[in-house]
Amino acid sequence: MVSPLIRPARNSDGDAIAALIAGAFAEYEGCVFDRAAEFPELDAIASHFAARGGVIWVAADGEAIIGSLAAAPMRAEGPPAGTVEITKVYVARASRRRGIARALMAEALAFARDRGAPELRLWTDTRFLDAHRFYESLGFVRLPGARALGDISDTSEYPYRLPLAGT
């Protein structure tokens, strides 16, 4: 088996990333994917993250996009200055447990370290138990509390953080 190519996403990858997200949401009852209402950034996904000082990567297996992960400086108050936020972490179900998410996360770690980020932060749906185990296997620690998004899926998310050594 050939390893997937990890590369920065292009704006034209928005539809493929939307398919990844829709596929992940379909695995959970009551988790609704509404691109127009809740994911307008997918229409120009690379430009969206570039405007935030970040980047989104995809894992490509030939022409197929089988994974995504984005990293950008946090916009929220509270975390230490320079903290990098991880978002859009999705891997196609048939491609999981092949190291794709780890390879994507390695790009994000390099991105954060190159910028001297003190830590990584992310939010993950309380229903995504496999994702929680994955993040914890990388050293992320779940922080207290959760936030309700008030979206059409009635999503609640847990916060996670990963301190970066040497920063």
Protein backbone atom coordinates (compact mmCIF):
# COMPACT_ATOMS: atom_id res chain seq x y z
CA MET A 1 0.00 0.00 0.00
CA VAL A 2 1.30 3.44 -0.93
CA SER A 3 1.27 6.09 1.79
CA PRO A 4 -1.02 9.02 1.11
CA LEU A 5 0.48 12.34 0.10
CA ILE A 6 0.13 15.04 2.78
CA ARG A 7 -0.09 18.47 1.15
CA PRO A 8 -1.55 21.91 1.81
CA ALA A 9 -5.15 22.05 0.72
CA ARG A 10 -6.31 24.11 -2.22
CA ASN A 11 -9.57 26.02 -2.40
CA SER A 12 -10.73 23.40 -4.89
CA ASP A 13 -10.49 20.75 -2.13
CA GLY A 14 -13.50 22.20 -0.31
CA ASP A 15 -15.98 19.72 -1.78
CA ALA A 16 -13.79 16.75 -0.84
CA ILE A 17 -13.31 18.07 2.70
CA ALA A 18 -17.08 18.60 2.92
CA ALA A 19 -17.54 14.93 1.99
CA LEU A 20 -15.12 13.91 4.78
CA ILE A 21 -17.04 15.95 7.33
CA ALA A 22 -20.43 14.71 6.11
CA GLY A 23 -19.19 11.13 6.30
CA ALA A 24 -17.95 11.57 9.87
CA PHE A 25 -21.18 13.26 10.97
CA ALA A 26 -23.25 10.45 9.40
CA GLU A 27 -21.67 8.01 11.86
CA TYR A 28 -23.52 9.66 14.76
CA GLU A 29 -27.26 9.87 15.24
CA GLY A 30 -28.44 13.47 15.31
CA CYS A 31 -25.19 14.85 13.92
CA VAL A 32 -26.28 16.88 10.87
CA PHE A 33 -23.99 18.29 8.20
CA ASP A 34 -25.32 21.54 6.72
CA ARG A 35 -22.55 23.06 4.62
CA ALA A 36 -24.32 26.27 3.70
CA ALA A 37 -25.43 27.07 7.25
CA GLU A 38 -22.41 25.98 9.26
CA PHE A 39 -19.40 25.47 6.97
CA PRO A 40 -19.26 28.38 4.47
CA GLU A 41 -15.45 28.42 4.75
CA LEU A 42 -15.39 25.25 2.66
CA ASP A 43 -16.11 27.37 -0.42
CA ALA A 44 -12.56 28.79 -0.21
CA ILE A 45 -10.98 26.63 2.47
CA ALA A 46 -7.30 27.31 1.80
CA SER A 47 -7.89 31.06 1.59
CA HIS A 48 -9.92 30.94 4.81
CA PHE A 49 -7.05 29.48 6.82
CA ALA A 50 -4.39 31.59 5.09
CA ALA A 51 -6.32 34.73 6.09
CA ARG A 52 -6.12 33.52 9.72
CA GLY A 53 -2.38 32.96 9.46
CA GLY A 54 -2.86 29.21 9.28
CA VAL A 55 -2.98 26.31 6.88
CA ILE A 56 -5.13 23.28 6.19
CA TRP A 57 -3.56 20.06 4.98
CA VAL A 58 -5.14 17.12 3.22
CA ALA A 59 -4.12 13.50 2.85
CA ALA A 60 -4.52 12.49 -0.79
CA ASP A 61 -4.63 8.89 -1.96
CA GLY A 62 -4.33 9.39 -5.69
CA GLU A 63 -7.11 11.79 -6.57
CA ALA A 64 -9.14 11.00 -3.44
CA ILE A 65 -8.92 13.24 -0.37
CA ILE A 66 -9.02 10.88 2.62
CA GLY A 67 -8.07 13.21 5.48
CA SER A 68 -7.82 16.82 6.60
CA LEU A 69 -6.45 18.88 9.47
CA ALA A 70 -6.07 22.64 9.93
CA ALA A 71 -3.92 24.73 12.24
CA ALA A 72 -4.13 28.46 12.89
CA PRO A 73 -3.31 30.91 15.68
CA MET A 74 -6.12 31.00 18.23
CA ARG A 75 -8.49 33.92 18.13
CA ALA A 76 -10.04 33.31 21.56
CA GLU A 77 -9.13 34.98 24.82
CA GLY A 78 -7.61 32.88 27.56
CA PRO A 79 -4.92 30.58 26.16
CA PRO A 80 -1.33 31.83 26.16
CA ALA A 81 -0.41 34.17 23.31
CA GLY A 82 0.73 32.28 20.23
CA THR A 83 -1.33 29.17 20.96
CA VAL A 84 -2.25 27.25 17.83
CA GLU A 85 -5.73 25.79 17.39
CA ILE A 86 -6.32 22.52 15.56
CA THR A 87 -9.56 22.13 13.59
CA LYS A 88 -11.05 20.18 10.68
CA VAL A 89 -9.55 16.85 11.80
CA TYR A 90 -11.28 14.22 9.68
CA VAL A 91 -10.18 10.93 8.14
CA ALA A 92 -12.42 8.86 5.88
CA ARG A 93 -13.73 5.85 7.77
CA ALA A 94 -12.19 3.34 5.35
CA SER A 95 -8.78 5.01 5.75
CA ARG A 96 -8.60 5.14 9.54
CA ARG A 97 -5.96 3.39 11.64
CA ARG A 98 -3.33 3.81 8.90
CA GLY A 99 -1.42 6.68 10.53
CA ILE A 100 -3.06 9.39 8.41
CA ALA A 101 -4.27 11.51 11.33
CA ARG A 102 -0.83 11.20 12.96
CA ALA A 103 0.87 12.32 9.74
CA LEU A 104 -1.49 15.30 9.50
CA MET A 105 -0.90 16.13 13.16
CA ALA A 106 2.87 16.04 12.54
CA GLU A 107 2.38 18.87 10.03
CA ALA A 108 0.45 20.86 12.64
CA LEU A 109 3.12 20.25 15.28
CA ALA A 110 5.84 21.46 12.91
CA PHE A 111 3.70 24.51 12.06
CA ALA A 112 3.24 25.33 15.76
CA ARG A 113 6.87 24.78 16.70
CA ASP A 114 8.09 26.90 13.78
CA ARG A 115 6.03 29.75 15.22
CA GLY A 116 7.17 29.20 18.81
CA ALA A 117 3.65 28.25 19.94
CA PRO A 118 3.51 27.35 23.63
CA GLU A 119 0.71 24.84 23.11
CA LEU A 120 -1.91 23.36 20.82
CA ARG A 121 -5.61 23.55 21.61
CA LEU A 122 -8.63 21.92 20.06
CA TRP A 123 -12.30 21.29 20.66
CA THR A 124 -13.89 17.94 19.85
CA ASP A 125 -17.49 16.79 19.80
CA THR A 126 -18.40 14.96 23.01
CA ARG A 127 -19.76 12.11 20.84
CA PHE A 128 -16.47 11.48 19.00
CA LEU A 129 -15.00 8.93 21.43
CA ASP A 130 -12.41 7.56 18.97
CA ALA A 131 -11.16 11.10 18.42
CA HIS A 132 -10.78 11.59 22.19
CA ARG A 133 -8.66 8.44 22.42
CA PHE A 134 -6.57 9.56 19.46
CA TYR A 135 -5.85 13.01 20.93
CA GLU A 136 -5.05 11.53 24.32
CA SER A 137 -2.63 9.04 22.68
CA LEU A 138 -0.73 12.07 21.37
CA GLY A 139 -0.48 13.61 24.84
CA PHE A 140 -3.43 16.00 24.65
CA VAL A 141 -5.16 16.49 28.00
CA ARG A 142 -8.88 17.12 28.26
CA LEU A 143 -9.59 20.33 30.14
CA PRO A 144 -12.54 20.73 32.50
CA GLY A 145 -15.94 21.64 31.16
CA ALA A 146 -17.59 21.63 27.77
CA ARG A 147 -19.21 24.18 25.50
CA ALA A 148 -22.55 23.98 23.75
CA LEU A 149 -22.43 25.28 20.19
CA GLY A 150 -26.15 25.89 19.74
CA ASP A 151 -25.95 24.42 16.24
CA ILE A 152 -28.45 22.24 14.38
CA SER A 153 -26.80 19.08 15.74
CA ASP A 154 -27.03 20.28 19.35
CA THR A 155 -23.26 19.82 19.61
CA SER A 156 -21.30 19.98 22.82
CA GLU A 157 -17.51 19.94 22.69
CA TYR A 158 -14.69 19.14 25.08
CA PRO A 159 -11.56 21.29 25.14
CA TYR A 160 -8.12 19.69 24.84
CA ARG A 161 -4.60 21.11 25.13
CA LEU A 162 -1.11 19.87 24.37
CA PRO A 163 1.79 21.81 25.90
CA LEU A 164 4.77 21.97 23.54
CA ALA A 165 8.13 21.19 25.07
CA GLY A 166 10.89 23.72 24.57
CA THR A 167 8.53 26.65 23.99
